[in-house]
Protein backbone atom coordinates (compact mmCIF):
# COMPACT_ATOMS: atom_id res chain seq x y z
CA UNK A 1 -40.17 82.07 -101.09
CA UNK A 2 -39.46 80.01 -104.19
CA UNK A 3 -39.85 81.68 -107.54
CA UNK A 4 -39.46 80.34 -111.04
CA UNK A 5 -39.16 82.89 -113.83
CA UNK A 6 -39.41 81.90 -117.48
CA UNK A 7 -38.28 83.82 -120.52
CA UNK A 8 -37.54 83.26 -124.18
CA UNK A 9 -40.92 82.59 -125.74
CA UNK A 10 -41.98 84.13 -129.01
CA UNK A 11 -43.34 83.58 -132.50
CA UNK A 12 -41.52 81.55 -135.12
CA UNK A 13 -42.27 79.83 -138.37
CA UNK A 14 -42.48 76.06 -138.66
CA UNK A 15 -39.03 74.53 -138.67
CA UNK A 16 -37.59 77.29 -136.53
CA UNK A 17 -36.03 77.17 -133.07
CA UNK A 18 -36.44 78.83 -129.70
CA UNK A 19 -34.65 78.59 -126.37
CA UNK A 20 -36.63 79.01 -123.19
CA UNK A 21 -35.01 79.78 -119.85
CA UNK A 22 -36.23 79.22 -116.32
CA UNK A 23 -34.40 80.83 -113.43
CA UNK A 24 -34.98 79.57 -109.90
CA UNK A 25 -34.84 81.89 -106.91
CA UNK A 26 -35.43 81.71 -103.18
CA UNK A 27 -34.40 78.17 -102.36
CA UNK A 28 -31.29 76.67 -100.94
CA UNK A 29 -29.20 74.14 -102.80
CA UNK A 30 -30.62 70.65 -103.00
CA UNK A 31 -28.74 67.64 -104.25
CA UNK A 32 -31.76 65.83 -105.64
CA UNK A 33 -34.62 67.59 -107.38
CA UNK A 34 -36.53 67.53 -110.63
CA UNK A 35 -37.08 70.39 -113.02
CA UNK A 36 -39.66 70.21 -115.76
CA UNK A 37 -41.24 71.95 -118.67
CA UNK A 38 -44.95 71.56 -119.28
CA UNK A 39 -47.15 73.13 -121.93
CA UNK A 40 -50.81 73.90 -122.35
CA UNK A 41 -52.55 74.78 -125.58
CA UNK A 42 -55.97 76.48 -125.60
CA UNK A 43 -58.72 73.98 -124.85
CA UNK A 44 -56.27 71.22 -124.01
CA UNK A 45 -54.93 69.75 -120.80
CA UNK A 46 -51.49 70.62 -119.49
CA UNK A 47 -48.95 68.09 -120.70
CA UNK A 48 -45.40 67.29 -119.71
CA UNK A 49 -42.73 68.09 -122.27
CA UNK A 50 -39.45 67.23 -120.56
CA UNK A 51 -37.85 66.74 -117.16
CA UNK A 52 -34.33 66.67 -115.83
CA UNK A 53 -33.19 65.06 -112.59
CA UNK A 54 -30.44 66.99 -110.87
CA UNK A 55 -28.31 64.10 -109.62
CA UNK A 56 -26.76 62.70 -112.76
CA UNK A 57 -28.59 64.96 -115.16
CA UNK A 58 -30.95 62.27 -116.44
CA UNK A 59 -33.46 63.67 -118.91
CA UNK A 60 -36.88 62.44 -119.95
CA UNK A 61 -39.01 63.54 -122.88
CA UNK A 62 -42.57 63.22 -124.09
CA UNK A 63 -42.79 61.15 -127.26
CA UNK A 64 -44.11 64.15 -129.18
CA UNK A 65 -40.89 66.11 -128.68
CA UNK A 66 -38.18 63.44 -128.65
CA UNK A 67 -35.41 64.27 -131.06
CA UNK A 68 -36.52 67.90 -131.33
CA UNK A 69 -36.39 69.33 -127.80
CA UNK A 70 -33.67 69.15 -125.16
CA UNK A 71 -33.60 70.25 -121.51
CA UNK A 72 -30.11 71.38 -120.50
CA UNK A 73 -29.45 72.97 -117.14
CA UNK A 74 -26.90 75.22 -115.50
CA UNK A 75 -26.73 74.18 -111.85
CA UNK A 76 -24.39 77.01 -110.94
CA UNK A 77 -26.99 79.52 -112.07
CA UNK A 78 -30.08 77.58 -110.90
CA UNK A 79 -31.31 77.74 -114.47
CA UNK A 80 -32.94 75.15 -116.69
CA UNK A 81 -33.49 75.63 -120.40
CA UNK A 82 -35.71 74.16 -123.05
CA UNK A 83 -34.21 74.09 -126.52
CA UNK A 84 -36.97 73.75 -129.08
CA UNK A 85 -35.86 72.76 -132.57
CA UNK A 86 -37.79 71.94 -135.73
CA UNK A 87 -40.90 73.53 -134.30
CA UNK A 88 -44.32 72.67 -135.69
CA UNK A 89 -47.66 74.48 -135.37
CA UNK A 90 -48.85 71.84 -132.91
CA UNK A 91 -46.11 72.99 -130.52
CA UNK A 92 -47.98 76.27 -130.06
CA UNK A 93 -48.80 76.58 -126.36
CA UNK A 94 -48.02 78.34 -123.13
CA UNK A 95 -44.88 76.73 -121.73
CA UNK A 96 -44.43 76.46 -117.96
CA UNK A 97 -41.39 75.69 -115.88
CA UNK A 98 -42.00 73.60 -112.77
CA UNK A 99 -39.96 72.20 -109.91
CA UNK A 100 -40.22 69.25 -107.56
CA UNK A 101 -37.87 70.31 -104.79
CA UNK A 102 -39.24 68.06 -102.06
CA UNK A 103 -39.64 64.42 -103.13
CA UNK A 104 -36.08 63.87 -104.35
CA UNK A 105 -37.48 61.02 -106.45
CA UNK A 106 -35.85 60.15 -109.74
CA UNK A 107 -38.67 57.73 -110.53
CA UNK A 108 -41.34 60.41 -110.15
CA UNK A 109 -39.25 62.70 -112.32
CA UNK A 110 -39.06 60.05 -115.05
CA UNK A 111 -42.85 59.64 -115.17
CA UNK A 112 -43.65 63.37 -115.13
CA UNK A 113 -45.55 62.97 -111.85
CA UNK A 114 -47.66 66.13 -111.92
CA UNK A 115 -48.63 66.33 -108.21
CA UNK A 116 -44.96 66.42 -107.30
CA UNK A 117 -44.41 69.74 -109.03
CA UNK A 118 -45.38 72.24 -106.38
CA UNK A 119 -43.57 75.26 -107.78
CA UNK A 120 -44.52 76.83 -111.08
CA UNK A 121 -43.50 79.76 -113.21
CA UNK A 122 -45.90 82.19 -114.82
CA UNK A 123 -45.50 80.75 -118.31
CA UNK A 124 -44.11 81.96 -121.61
CA UNK A 125 -45.98 81.79 -124.91
CA UNK A 126 -44.63 79.91 -127.92
CA UNK A 127 -46.46 80.42 -131.22
CA UNK A 128 -45.50 78.51 -134.35
CA UNK A 129 -46.96 79.49 -137.71
CA UNK A 130 -47.12 77.25 -140.74
């Protein structure tokens, strides 16, 4: 069965950086799929951070992280990353990797279509202190 495994969370001071990793296991190669990072802070709803569409490598970012976060991927290793730079206390949250392996839709990937993400990792905590 499909598994997504995140790593790389931790505690940093404001202005610092972290790199999260998400390894995908248990699925065969697909030409078109969408990988995403979401986050959820205590008492808040889950929000999309960034997505990447496999065919062409198009990336999409929430306004709150544009210019600070990037979402590179390594297709050969079935791994997607989230590079978090210039972190702020409001970035503190549990970060989740998610995958839409079934729709193949670039449009849904670009709009962070939550129902399309049917596979989720267990989450990794990011804590930013001021």
